[in-house]
Amino acid sequence: MSEIFTLLHTVGKLKDVERFHGKFWDDYNIDKHETSAEHTWRLCFFLMTLKDKISVSFDYQKTLELLLIHDIAEIYAGDTPSTESFWNNPVLEIKYQKEEKALEKILHNIQDITIQTKIKSLWIEYEKRESIEAKIASTIDKLEWAFQASEYLEKIWIFEEHRIFSIKYTEALLWLDNY
């Protein structure tokens, strides 16, 4: 049981992982540093709110679990903004390798193979984005970006780049008719 408590303590560190660290906060004097935990909470709320609007059949519980796990590796790998990695395969590959090592570090002391396997398989499933649940989770992630960027637009012009990126990504997928 102590290994589970250690894991729970470790995932609590997501509350300390700042998103958009550096460029956006430091260069543009944004005083509120959103954390990966805040981002993850909002994604889960989005899913809960939008689940009856999604036009395809999907496993709600699994999608929720994917959202909870998708950024877990950021505990040790840090956040890589999507605008830096999404269209850039070399950056995306480096991000994936860094996060895979971070995930191994998180799971290293977990002796319960069931917990280890579940967390790792959910993380890999999200990264591959092949299942309907992973596609929904990824789309919700990008939709939240659009909301976040719109909120930051009130503070600084640089977030227009994120808003445009997020809207382009989610426009075709919002109601998931393409799945």
Foldseek 3Di string as FASTA:
>chain_A
DVLVVVLVVLLVLQQVFFAPPDPPCPVQVDPDTDGLVNLLVVLLVVCVVCVVLAPDDDDSVLLNLLSSLQCSLCSQLGYDDCVVAVVPPVVVVVSVVSSVVSLCVSCVPPPPVVVNVVSVVSNVCLVVCPDPSSVVSVLSSLVVQLVVLVVCVVPDVVSVVSNVVSCVVNVVCVSHPVD
